[in-house]
Amino acid sequence: DRKLTIARELTKVHEQIIRTTTREAA
């Protein structure tokens, strides 16, 4: 269980930054 950031659709209209952990994300 480590810190993880999921960056989705960077520089686009639906950009999303999700700061989570590996456990929560899985």
mmCIF file of all heavy atoms, coordinates in Angstrom:
data_MODEL
# 
_entry.id   MODEL 
# 
loop_
_atom_site.group_PDB 
_atom_site.id 
_atom_site.type_symbol 
_atom_site.label_atom_id 
_atom_site.label_alt_id 
_atom_site.label_comp_id 
_atom_site.label_asym_id 
_atom_site.label_entity_id 
_atom_site.label_seq_id 
_atom_site.pdbx_PDB_ins_code 
_atom_site.Cartn_x 
_atom_site.Cartn_y 
_atom_site.Cartn_z 
_atom_site.occupancy 
_atom_site.B_iso_or_equiv 
_atom_site.pdbx_formal_charge 
_atom_site.auth_seq_id 
_atom_site.auth_comp_id 
_atom_site.auth_asym_id 
_atom_site.auth_atom_id 
_atom_site.pdbx_PDB_model_num 
ATOM 1   N N   . ASP A 1 1  ? 0.835   -1.195 0.000   1.00 0.00 ? 1  ASP A N   1 
ATOM 2   C CA  . ASP A 1 1  ? 0.000   0.000  0.000   1.00 0.00 ? 1  ASP A CA  1 
ATOM 3   C C   . ASP A 1 1  ? 0.873   1.250  0.000   1.00 0.00 ? 1  ASP A C   1 
ATOM 4   O O   . ASP A 1 1  ? 1.449   1.618  1.019   1.00 0.00 ? 1  ASP A O   1 
ATOM 5   C CB  . ASP A 1 1  ? -0.939  -0.008 1.212   1.00 0.00 ? 1  ASP A CB  1 
ATOM 6   C CG  . ASP A 1 1  ? -2.126  0.903  1.015   1.00 0.00 ? 1  ASP A CG  1 
ATOM 7   O OD1 . ASP A 1 1  ? -2.426  1.265  -0.142  1.00 0.00 ? 1  ASP A OD1 1 
ATOM 8   O OD2 . ASP A 1 1  ? -2.764  1.257  2.012   1.00 0.00 ? 1  ASP A OD2 1 
ATOM 9   N N   . ARG A 1 2  ? 0.986   1.873  -1.167  1.00 0.00 ? 2  ARG A N   1 
ATOM 10  C CA  . ARG A 1 2  ? 1.774   3.096  -1.344  1.00 0.00 ? 2  ARG A CA  1 
ATOM 11  C C   . ARG A 1 2  ? 0.890   4.185  -1.929  1.00 0.00 ? 2  ARG A C   1 
ATOM 12  O O   . ARG A 1 2  ? -0.148  3.912  -2.523  1.00 0.00 ? 2  ARG A O   1 
ATOM 13  C CB  . ARG A 1 2  ? 2.934   2.863  -2.314  1.00 0.00 ? 2  ARG A CB  1 
ATOM 14  C CG  . ARG A 1 2  ? 4.013   1.996  -1.784  1.00 0.00 ? 2  ARG A CG  1 
ATOM 15  C CD  . ARG A 1 2  ? 5.201   2.060  -2.716  1.00 0.00 ? 2  ARG A CD  1 
ATOM 16  N NE  . ARG A 1 2  ? 6.201   1.074  -2.356  1.00 0.00 ? 2  ARG A NE  1 
ATOM 17  C CZ  . ARG A 1 2  ? 7.310   0.887  -3.051  1.00 0.00 ? 2  ARG A CZ  1 
ATOM 18  N NH1 . ARG A 1 2  ? 7.573   1.614  -4.108  1.00 0.00 ? 2  ARG A NH1 1 
ATOM 19  N NH2 . ARG A 1 2  ? 8.172   -0.033 -2.666  1.00 0.00 ? 2  ARG A NH2 1 
ATOM 20  N N   . LYS A 1 3  ? 1.365   5.410  -1.819  1.00 0.00 ? 3  LYS A N   1 
ATOM 21  C CA  . LYS A 1 3  ? 0.658   6.531  -2.427  1.00 0.00 ? 3  LYS A CA  1 
ATOM 22  C C   . LYS A 1 3  ? 0.716   6.388  -3.946  1.00 0.00 ? 3  LYS A C   1 
ATOM 23  O O   . LYS A 1 3  ? 1.735   5.993  -4.507  1.00 0.00 ? 3  LYS A O   1 
ATOM 24  C CB  . LYS A 1 3  ? 1.274   7.862  -2.015  1.00 0.00 ? 3  LYS A CB  1 
ATOM 25  C CG  . LYS A 1 3  ? 1.074   8.187  -0.554  1.00 0.00 ? 3  LYS A CG  1 
ATOM 26  C CD  . LYS A 1 3  ? 1.751   9.506  -0.214  1.00 0.00 ? 3  LYS A CD  1 
ATOM 27  C CE  . LYS A 1 3  ? 1.659   9.782  1.269   1.00 0.00 ? 3  LYS A CE  1 
ATOM 28  N NZ  . LYS A 1 3  ? 2.422   10.999 1.620   1.00 0.00 ? 3  LYS A NZ  1 
ATOM 29  N N   . LEU A 1 4  ? -0.390  6.738  -4.583  1.00 0.00 ? 4  LEU A N   1 
ATOM 30  C CA  . LEU A 1 4  ? -0.503  6.634  -6.036  1.00 0.00 ? 4  LEU A CA  1 
ATOM 31  C C   . LEU A 1 4  ? -1.357  7.786  -6.538  1.00 0.00 ? 4  LEU A C   1 
ATOM 32  O O   . LEU A 1 4  ? -2.392  8.094  -5.936  1.00 0.00 ? 4  LEU A O   1 
ATOM 33  C CB  . LEU A 1 4  ? -1.166  5.302  -6.420  1.00 0.00 ? 4  LEU A CB  1 
ATOM 34  C CG  . LEU A 1 4  ? -1.496  5.098  -7.887  1.00 0.00 ? 4  LEU A CG  1 
ATOM 35  C CD1 . LEU A 1 4  ? -0.215  4.869  -8.706  1.00 0.00 ? 4  LEU A CD1 1 
ATOM 36  C CD2 . LEU A 1 4  ? -2.441  3.920  -8.066  1.00 0.00 ? 4  LEU A CD2 1 
ATOM 37  N N   . THR A 1 5  ? -0.932  8.389  -7.615  1.00 0.00 ? 5  THR A N   1 
ATOM 38  C CA  . THR A 1 5  ? -1.756  9.393  -8.285  1.00 0.00 ? 5  THR A CA  1 
ATOM 39  C C   . THR A 1 5  ? -2.101  8.873  -9.672  1.00 0.00 ? 5  THR A C   1 
ATOM 40  O O   . THR A 1 5  ? -1.229  8.417  -10.405 1.00 0.00 ? 5  THR A O   1 
ATOM 41  C CB  . THR A 1 5  ? -1.022  10.747 -8.394  1.00 0.00 ? 5  THR A CB  1 
ATOM 42  O OG1 . THR A 1 5  ? -0.779  11.230 -7.080  1.00 0.00 ? 5  THR A OG1 1 
ATOM 43  C CG2 . THR A 1 5  ? -1.852  11.764 -9.162  1.00 0.00 ? 5  THR A CG2 1 
ATOM 44  N N   . ILE A 1 6  ? -3.387  8.919  -9.982  1.00 0.00 ? 6  ILE A N   1 
ATOM 45  C CA  . ILE A 1 6  ? -3.863  8.549  -11.311 1.00 0.00 ? 6  ILE A CA  1 
ATOM 46  C C   . ILE A 1 6  ? -4.217  9.856  -12.010 1.00 0.00 ? 6  ILE A C   1 
ATOM 47  O O   . ILE A 1 6  ? -5.122  10.583 -11.572 1.00 0.00 ? 6  ILE A O   1 
ATOM 48  C CB  . ILE A 1 6  ? -5.105  7.631  -11.231 1.00 0.00 ? 6  ILE A CB  1 
ATOM 49  C CG1 . ILE A 1 6  ? -4.781  6.370  -10.427 1.00 0.00 ? 6  ILE A CG1 1 
ATOM 50  C CG2 . ILE A 1 6  ? -5.603  7.298  -12.639 1.00 0.00 ? 6  ILE A CG2 1 
ATOM 51  C CD1 . ILE A 1 6  ? -6.004  5.523  -10.089 1.00 0.00 ? 6  ILE A CD1 1 
ATOM 52  N N   . ALA A 1 7  ? -3.477  10.180 -13.063 1.00 0.00 ? 7  ALA A N   1 
ATOM 53  C CA  . ALA A 1 7  ? -3.732  11.398 -13.836 1.00 0.00 ? 7  ALA A CA  1 
ATOM 54  C C   . ALA A 1 7  ? -4.373  10.973 -15.154 1.00 0.00 ? 7  ALA A C   1 
ATOM 55  O O   . ALA A 1 7  ? -3.790  10.204 -15.913 1.00 0.00 ? 7  ALA A O   1 
ATOM 56  C CB  . ALA A 1 7  ? -2.432  12.151 -14.071 1.00 0.00 ? 7  ALA A CB  1 
ATOM 57  N N   . ARG A 1 8  ? -5.579  11.471 -15.387 1.00 0.00 ? 8  ARG A N   1 
ATOM 58  C CA  . ARG A 1 8  ? -6.354  11.035 -16.550 1.00 0.00 ? 8  ARG A CA  1 
ATOM 59  C C   . ARG A 1 8  ? -6.670  12.223 -17.442 1.00 0.00 ? 8  ARG A C   1 
ATOM 60  O O   . ARG A 1 8  ? -7.054  13.292 -16.960 1.00 0.00 ? 8  ARG A O   1 
ATOM 61  C CB  . ARG A 1 8  ? -7.640  10.390 -16.039 1.00 0.00 ? 8  ARG A CB  1 
ATOM 62  C CG  . ARG A 1 8  ? -8.455  9.669  -17.076 1.00 0.00 ? 8  ARG A CG  1 
ATOM 63  C CD  . ARG A 1 8  ? -9.702  9.074  -16.452 1.00 0.00 ? 8  ARG A CD  1 
ATOM 64  N NE  . ARG A 1 8  ? -10.708 10.075 -16.177 1.00 0.00 ? 8  ARG A NE  1 
ATOM 65  C CZ  . ARG A 1 8  ? -11.515 10.608 -17.088 1.00 0.00 ? 8  ARG A CZ  1 
ATOM 66  N NH1 . ARG A 1 8  ? -11.436 10.233 -18.339 1.00 0.00 ? 8  ARG A NH1 1 
ATOM 67  N NH2 . ARG A 1 8  ? -12.397 11.513 -16.747 1.00 0.00 ? 8  ARG A NH2 1 
ATOM 68  N N   . GLU A 1 9  ? -6.492  12.024 -18.734 1.00 0.00 ? 9  GLU A N   1 
ATOM 69  C CA  . GLU A 1 9  ? -6.849  13.032 -19.733 1.00 0.00 ? 9  GLU A CA  1 
ATOM 70  C C   . GLU A 1 9  ? -6.199  14.387 -19.445 1.00 0.00 ? 9  GLU A C   1 
ATOM 71  O O   . GLU A 1 9  ? -6.867  15.430 -19.480 1.00 0.00 ? 9  GLU A O   1 
ATOM 72  C CB  . GLU A 1 9  ? -8.374  13.185 -19.796 1.00 0.00 ? 9  GLU A CB  1 
ATOM 73  C CG  . GLU A 1 9  ? -9.101  11.971 -20.355 1.00 0.00 ? 9  GLU A CG  1 
ATOM 74  C CD  . GLU A 1 9  ? -8.810  11.738 -21.828 1.00 0.00 ? 9  GLU A CD  1 
ATOM 75  O OE1 . GLU A 1 9  ? -9.271  12.519 -22.674 1.00 0.00 ? 9  GLU A OE1 1 
ATOM 76  O OE2 . GLU A 1 9  ? -8.098  10.755 -22.131 1.00 0.00 ? 9  GLU A OE2 1 
ATOM 77  N N   . LEU A 1 10 ? -4.898  14.374 -19.169 1.00 0.00 ? 10 LEU A N   1 
ATOM 78  C CA  . LEU A 1 10 ? -4.186  15.611 -18.856 1.00 0.00 ? 10 LEU A CA  1 
ATOM 79  C C   . LEU A 1 10 ? -4.294  16.624 -19.989 1.00 0.00 ? 10 LEU A C   1 
ATOM 80  O O   . LEU A 1 10 ? -4.222  16.266 -21.160 1.00 0.00 ? 10 LEU A O   1 
ATOM 81  C CB  . LEU A 1 10 ? -2.716  15.316 -18.568 1.00 0.00 ? 10 LEU A CB  1 
ATOM 82  C CG  . LEU A 1 10 ? -2.450  14.605 -17.251 1.00 0.00 ? 10 LEU A CG  1 
ATOM 83  C CD1 . LEU A 1 10 ? -1.001  14.189 -17.147 1.00 0.00 ? 10 LEU A CD1 1 
ATOM 84  C CD2 . LEU A 1 10 ? -2.838  15.492 -16.075 1.00 0.00 ? 10 LEU A CD2 1 
ATOM 85  N N   . THR A 1 11 ? -4.453  17.858 -19.636 1.00 0.00 ? 11 THR A N   1 
ATOM 86  C CA  . THR A 1 11 ? -4.583  19.015 -20.540 1.00 0.00 ? 11 THR A CA  1 
ATOM 87  C C   . THR A 1 11 ? -5.822  18.948 -21.432 1.00 0.00 ? 11 THR A C   1 
ATOM 88  O O   . THR A 1 11 ? -5.904  19.658 -22.420 1.00 0.00 ? 11 THR A O   1 
ATOM 89  C CB  . THR A 1 11 ? -3.325  19.235 -21.418 1.00 0.00 ? 11 THR A CB  1 
ATOM 90  O OG1 . THR A 1 11 ? -3.270  18.237 -22.442 1.00 0.00 ? 11 THR A OG1 1 
ATOM 91  C CG2 . THR A 1 11 ? -2.054  19.250 -20.595 1.00 0.00 ? 11 THR A CG2 1 
ATOM 92  N N   . LYS A 1 12 ? -6.797  18.131 -21.072 1.00 0.00 ? 12 LYS A N   1 
ATOM 93  C CA  . LYS A 1 12 ? -8.026  18.021 -21.874 1.00 0.00 ? 12 LYS A CA  1 
ATOM 94  C C   . LYS A 1 12 ? -9.229  18.428 -21.026 1.00 0.00 ? 12 LYS A C   1 
ATOM 95  O O   . LYS A 1 12 ? -9.123  18.614 -19.812 1.00 0.00 ? 12 LYS A O   1 
ATOM 96  C CB  . LYS A 1 12 ? -8.186  16.592 -22.389 1.00 0.00 ? 12 LYS A CB  1 
ATOM 97  C CG  . LYS A 1 12 ? -7.056  16.192 -23.325 1.00 0.00 ? 12 LYS A CG  1 
ATOM 98  C CD  . LYS A 1 12 ? -7.241  14.810 -23.856 1.00 0.00 ? 12 LYS A CD  1 
ATOM 99  C CE  . LYS A 1 12 ? -6.047  14.483 -24.749 1.00 0.00 ? 12 LYS A CE  1 
ATOM 100 N NZ  . LYS A 1 12 ? -5.774  13.097 -24.791 1.00 0.00 ? 12 LYS A NZ  1 
ATOM 101 N N   . VAL A 1 13 ? -10.371 18.535 -21.642 1.00 0.00 ? 13 VAL A N   1 
ATOM 102 C CA  . VAL A 1 13 ? -11.592 18.988 -20.974 1.00 0.00 ? 13 VAL A CA  1 
ATOM 103 C C   . VAL A 1 13 ? -11.948 18.128 -19.764 1.00 0.00 ? 13 VAL A C   1 
ATOM 104 O O   . VAL A 1 13 ? -12.352 18.642 -18.727 1.00 0.00 ? 13 VAL A O   1 
ATOM 105 C CB  . VAL A 1 13 ? -12.783 19.000 -21.974 1.00 0.00 ? 13 VAL A CB  1 
ATOM 106 C CG1 . VAL A 1 13 ? -14.078 19.330 -21.273 1.00 0.00 ? 13 VAL A CG1 1 
ATOM 107 C CG2 . VAL A 1 13 ? -12.513 19.995 -23.086 1.00 0.00 ? 13 VAL A CG2 1 
ATOM 108 N N   . HIS A 1 14 ? -11.791 16.830 -19.870 1.00 0.00 ? 14 HIS A N   1 
ATOM 109 C CA  . HIS A 1 14 ? -12.189 15.917 -18.794 1.00 0.00 ? 14 HIS A CA  1 
ATOM 110 C C   . HIS A 1 14 ? -11.008 15.509 -17.903 1.00 0.00 ? 14 HIS A C   1 
ATOM 111 O O   . HIS A 1 14 ? -11.007 14.421 -17.335 1.00 0.00 ? 14 HIS A O   1 
ATOM 112 C CB  . HIS A 1 14 ? -12.874 14.682 -19.377 1.00 0.00 ? 14 HIS A CB  1 
ATOM 113 C CG  . HIS A 1 14 ? -14.108 15.011 -20.147 1.00 0.00 ? 14 HIS A CG  1 
ATOM 114 N ND1 . HIS A 1 14 ? -15.256 15.480 -19.548 1.00 0.00 ? 14 HIS A ND1 1 
ATOM 115 C CD2 . HIS A 1 14 ? -14.364 14.989 -21.471 1.00 0.00 ? 14 HIS A CD2 1 
ATOM 116 C CE1 . HIS A 1 14 ? -16.175 15.706 -20.463 1.00 0.00 ? 14 HIS A CE1 1 
ATOM 117 N NE2 . HIS A 1 14 ? -15.656 15.425 -21.644 1.00 0.00 ? 14 HIS A NE2 1 
ATOM 118 N N   . GLU A 1 15 ? -10.022 16.402 -17.762 1.00 0.00 ? 15 GLU A N   1 
ATOM 119 C CA  . GLU A 1 15 ? -8.853  16.108 -16.933 1.00 0.00 ? 15 GLU A CA  1 
ATOM 120 C C   . GLU A 1 15 ? -9.284  15.733 -15.518 1.00 0.00 ? 15 GLU A C   1 
ATOM 121 O O   . GLU A 1 15 ? -10.196 16.325 -14.951 1.00 0.00 ? 15 GLU A O   1 
ATOM 122 C CB  . GLU A 1 15 ? -7.939  17.332 -16.870 1.00 0.00 ? 15 GLU A CB  1 
ATOM 123 C CG  . GLU A 1 15 ? -6.720  17.126 -16.009 1.00 0.00 ? 15 GLU A CG  1 
ATOM 124 C CD  . GLU A 1 15 ? -5.795  18.324 -16.011 1.00 0.00 ? 15 GLU A CD  1 
ATOM 125 O OE1 . GLU A 1 15 ? -5.324  18.710 -17.097 1.00 0.00 ? 15 GLU A OE1 1 
ATOM 126 O OE2 . GLU A 1 15 ? -5.554  18.871 -14.921 1.00 0.00 ? 15 GLU A OE2 1 
ATOM 127 N N   . GLN A 1 16 ? -8.624  14.721 -14.970 1.00 0.00 ? 16 GLN A N   1 
ATOM 128 C CA  . GLN A 1 16 ? -8.945  14.263 -13.622 1.00 0.00 ? 16 GLN A CA  1 
ATOM 129 C C   . GLN A 1 16 ? -7.657  13.821 -12.925 1.00 0.00 ? 16 GLN A C   1 
ATOM 130 O O   . GLN A 1 16 ? -6.866  13.071 -13.489 1.00 0.00 ? 16 GLN A O   1 
ATOM 131 C CB  . GLN A 1 16 ? -9.928  13.092 -13.701 1.00 0.00 ? 16 GLN A CB  1 
ATOM 132 C CG  . GLN A 1 16 ? -10.424 12.604 -12.370 1.00 0.00 ? 16 GLN A CG  1 
ATOM 133 C CD  . GLN A 1 16 ? -11.422 11.459 -12.525 1.00 0.00 ? 16 GLN A CD  1 
ATOM 134 O OE1 . GLN A 1 16 ? -11.447 10.759 -13.529 1.00 0.00 ? 16 GLN A OE1 1 
ATOM 135 N NE2 . GLN A 1 16 ? -12.234 11.279 -11.501 1.00 0.00 ? 16 GLN A NE2 1 
ATOM 136 N N   . ILE A 1 17 ? -7.473  14.299 -11.704 1.00 0.00 ? 17 ILE A N   1 
ATOM 137 C CA  . ILE A 1 17 ? -6.325  13.915 -10.889 1.00 0.00 ? 17 ILE A CA  1 
ATOM 138 C C   . ILE A 1 17 ? -6.876  13.199 -9.666  1.00 0.00 ? 17 ILE A C   1 
ATOM 139 O O   . ILE A 1 17 ? -7.647  13.775 -8.900  1.00 0.00 ? 17 ILE A O   1 
ATOM 140 C CB  . ILE A 1 17 ? -5.491  15.142 -10.446 1.00 0.00 ? 17 ILE A CB  1 
ATOM 141 C CG1 . ILE A 1 17 ? -5.093  16.020 -11.643 1.00 0.00 ? 17 ILE A CG1 1 
ATOM 142 C CG2 . ILE A 1 17 ? -4.276  14.699 -9.633  1.00 0.00 ? 17 ILE A CG2 1 
ATOM 143 C CD1 . ILE A 1 17 ? -4.288  15.306 -12.711 1.00 0.00 ? 17 ILE A CD1 1 
ATOM 144 N N   . ILE A 1 18 ? -6.482  11.952 -9.485  1.00 0.00 ? 18 ILE A N   1 
ATOM 145 C CA  . ILE A 1 18 ? -6.972  11.144 -8.360  1.00 0.00 ? 18 ILE A CA  1 
ATOM 146 C C   . ILE A 1 18 ? -5.772  10.792 -7.481  1.00 0.00 ? 18 ILE A C   1 
ATOM 147 O O   . ILE A 1 18 ? -4.900  10.031 -7.896  1.00 0.00 ? 18 ILE A O   1 
ATOM 148 C CB  . ILE A 1 18 ? -7.656  9.859  -8.864  1.00 0.00 ? 18 ILE A CB  1 
ATOM 149 C CG1 . ILE A 1 18 ? -8.790  10.199 -9.816  1.00 0.00 ? 18 ILE A CG1 1 
ATOM 150 C CG2 . ILE A 1 18 ? -8.142  9.020  -7.679  1.00 0.00 ? 18 ILE A CG2 1 
ATOM 151 C CD1 . ILE A 1 18 ? -9.285  9.022  -10.635 1.00 0.00 ? 18 ILE A CD1 1 
ATOM 152 N N   . ARG A 1 19 ? -5.724  11.368 -6.280  1.00 0.00 ? 19 ARG A N   1 
ATOM 153 C CA  . ARG A 1 19 ? -4.665  11.039 -5.322  1.00 0.00 ? 19 ARG A CA  1 
ATOM 154 C C   . ARG A 1 19 ? -5.219  9.984  -4.382  1.00 0.00 ? 19 ARG A C   1 
ATOM 155 O O   . ARG A 1 19 ? -6.188  10.221 -3.677  1.00 0.00 ? 19 ARG A O   1 
ATOM 156 C CB  . ARG A 1 19 ? -4.226  12.287 -4.570  1.00 0.00 ? 19 ARG A CB  1 
ATOM 157 C CG  . ARG A 1 19 ? -3.478  13.264 -5.461  1.00 0.00 ? 19 ARG A CG  1 
ATOM 158 C CD  . ARG A 1 19 ? -3.000  14.494 -4.704  1.00 0.00 ? 19 ARG A CD  1 
ATOM 159 N NE  . ARG A 1 19 ? -2.487  15.478 -5.621  1.00 0.00 ? 19 ARG A NE  1 
ATOM 160 C CZ  . ARG A 1 19 ? -3.208  16.455 -6.169  1.00 0.00 ? 19 ARG A CZ  1 
ATOM 161 N NH1 . ARG A 1 19 ? -4.485  16.569 -5.881  1.00 0.00 ? 19 ARG A NH1 1 
ATOM 162 N NH2 . ARG A 1 19 ? -2.659  17.310 -6.995  1.00 0.00 ? 19 ARG A NH2 1 
ATOM 163 N N   . THR A 1 20 ? -4.601  8.825  -4.381  1.00 0.00 ? 20 THR A N   1 
ATOM 164 C CA  . THR A 1 20 ? -5.130  7.670  -3.663  1.00 0.00 ? 20 THR A CA  1 
ATOM 165 C C   . THR A 1 20 ? -3.976  6.805  -3.180  1.00 0.00 ? 20 THR A C   1 
ATOM 166 O O   . THR A 1 20 ? -2.850  7.278  -3.082  1.00 0.00 ? 20 THR A O   1 
ATOM 167 C CB  . THR A 1 20 ? -6.113  6.896  -4.587  1.00 0.00 ? 20 THR A CB  1 
ATOM 168 O OG1 . THR A 1 20 ? -6.713  5.829  -3.867  1.00 0.00 ? 20 THR A OG1 1 
ATOM 169 C CG2 . THR A 1 20 ? -5.455  6.391  -5.846  1.00 0.00 ? 20 THR A CG2 1 
ATOM 170 N N   . THR A 1 21 ? -4.249  5.550  -2.922  1.00 0.00 ? 21 THR A N   1 
ATOM 171 C CA  . THR A 1 21 ? -3.208  4.570  -2.598  1.00 0.00 ? 21 THR A CA  1 
ATOM 172 C C   . THR A 1 21 ? -3.385  3.374  -3.526  1.00 0.00 ? 21 THR A C   1 
ATOM 173 O O   . THR A 1 21 ? -4.452  3.208  -4.144  1.00 0.00 ? 21 THR A O   1 
ATOM 174 C CB  . THR A 1 21 ? -3.302  4.083  -1.136  1.00 0.00 ? 21 THR A CB  1 
ATOM 175 O OG1 . THR A 1 21 ? -4.513  3.347  -0.972  1.00 0.00 ? 21 THR A OG1 1 
ATOM 176 C CG2 . THR A 1 21 ? -3.232  5.241  -0.144  1.00 0.00 ? 21 THR A CG2 1 
ATOM 177 N N   . THR A 1 22 ? -2.389  2.527  -3.574  1.00 0.00 ? 22 THR A N   1 
ATOM 178 C CA  . THR A 1 22 ? -2.487  1.352  -4.444  1.00 0.00 ? 22 THR A CA  1 
ATOM 179 C C   . THR A 1 22 ? -3.639  0.447  -4.010  1.00 0.00 ? 22 THR A C   1 
ATOM 180 O O   . THR A 1 22 ? -4.350  -0.088 -4.854  1.00 0.00 ? 22 THR A O   1 
ATOM 181 C CB  . THR A 1 22 ? -1.168  0.555  -4.450  1.00 0.00 ? 22 THR A CB  1 
ATOM 182 O OG1 . THR A 1 22 ? -0.762  0.301  -3.110  1.00 0.00 ? 22 THR A OG1 1 
ATOM 183 C CG2 . THR A 1 22 ? -0.074  1.303  -5.181  1.00 0.00 ? 22 THR A CG2 1 
ATOM 184 N N   . ARG A 1 23 ? -3.822  0.299  -2.699  1.00 0.00 ? 23 ARG A N   1 
ATOM 185 C CA  . ARG A 1 23 ? -4.906  -0.561 -2.199  1.00 0.00 ? 23 ARG A CA  1 
ATOM 186 C C   . ARG A 1 23 ? -6.275  0.003  -2.589  1.00 0.00 ? 23 ARG A C   1 
ATOM 187 O O   . ARG A 1 23 ? -7.115  -0.697 -3.155  1.00 0.00 ? 23 ARG A O   1 
ATOM 188 C CB  . ARG A 1 23 ? -4.825  -0.715 -0.677  1.00 0.00 ? 23 ARG A CB  1 
ATOM 189 C CG  . ARG A 1 23 ? -5.926  -1.626 -0.100  1.00 0.00 ? 23 ARG A CG  1 
ATOM 190 C CD  . ARG A 1 23 ? -5.896  -1.707 1.414   1.00 0.00 ? 23 ARG A CD  1 
ATOM 191 N NE  . ARG A 1 23 ? -5.952  -0.422 2.093   1.00 0.00 ? 23 ARG A NE  1 
ATOM 192 C CZ  . ARG A 1 23 ? -7.078  0.305  2.256   1.00 0.00 ? 23 ARG A CZ  1 
ATOM 193 N NH1 . ARG A 1 23 ? -8.219  -0.142 1.783   1.00 0.00 ? 23 ARG A NH1 1 
ATOM 194 N NH2 . ARG A 1 23 ? -7.038  1.452  2.889   1.00 0.00 ? 23 ARG A NH2 1 
ATOM 195 N N   . GLU A 1 24 ? -6.491  1.271  -2.304  1.00 0.00 ? 24 GLU A N   1 
ATOM 196 C CA  . GLU A 1 24 ? -7.778  1.897  -2.618  1.00 0.00 ? 24 GLU A CA  1 
ATOM 197 C C   . GLU A 1 24 ? -8.050  1.885  -4.122  1.00 0.00 ? 24 GLU A C   1 
ATOM 198 O O   . GLU A 1 24 ? -9.172  1.620  -4.556  1.00 0.00 ? 24 GLU A O   1 
ATOM 199 C CB  . GLU A 1 24 ? -7.814  3.333  -2.100  1.00 0.00 ? 24 GLU A CB  1 
ATOM 200 C CG  . GLU A 1 24 ? -7.875  3.425  -0.595  1.00 0.00 ? 24 GLU A CG  1 
ATOM 201 C CD  . GLU A 1 24 ? -7.700  4.860  -0.089  1.00 0.00 ? 24 GLU A CD  1 
ATOM 202 O OE1 . GLU A 1 24 ? -7.519  5.789  -0.908  1.00 0.00 ? 24 GLU A OE1 1 
ATOM 203 O OE2 . GLU A 1 24 ? -7.736  5.046  1.138   1.00 0.00 ? 24 GLU A OE2 1 
ATOM 204 N N   . ALA A 1 25 ? -7.032  2.174  -4.909  1.00 0.00 ? 25 ALA A N   1 
ATOM 205 C CA  . ALA A 1 25 ? -7.196  2.205  -6.357  1.00 0.00 ? 25 ALA A CA  1 
ATOM 206 C C   . ALA A 1 25 ? -7.526  0.819  -6.916  1.00 0.00 ? 25 ALA A C   1 
ATOM 207 O O   . ALA A 1 25 ? -8.403  0.681  -7.773  1.00 0.00 ? 25 ALA A O   1 
ATOM 208 C CB  . ALA A 1 25 ? -5.936  2.756  -7.023  1.00 0.00 ? 25 ALA A CB  1 
ATOM 209 N N   . ALA A 1 26 ? -6.837  -0.211 -6.409  1.00 0.00 ? 26 ALA A N   1 
ATOM 210 C CA  . ALA A 1 26 ? -7.092  -1.579 -6.873  1.00 0.00 ? 26 ALA A CA  1 
ATOM 211 C C   . ALA A 1 26 ? -8.529  -1.982 -6.579  1.00 0.00 ? 26 ALA A C   1 
ATOM 212 O O   . ALA A 1 26 ? -9.161  -2.679 -7.377  1.00 0.00 ? 26 ALA A O   1 
ATOM 213 C CB  . ALA A 1 26 ? -6.117  -2.560 -6.234  1.00 0.00 ? 26 ALA A CB  1 
# 
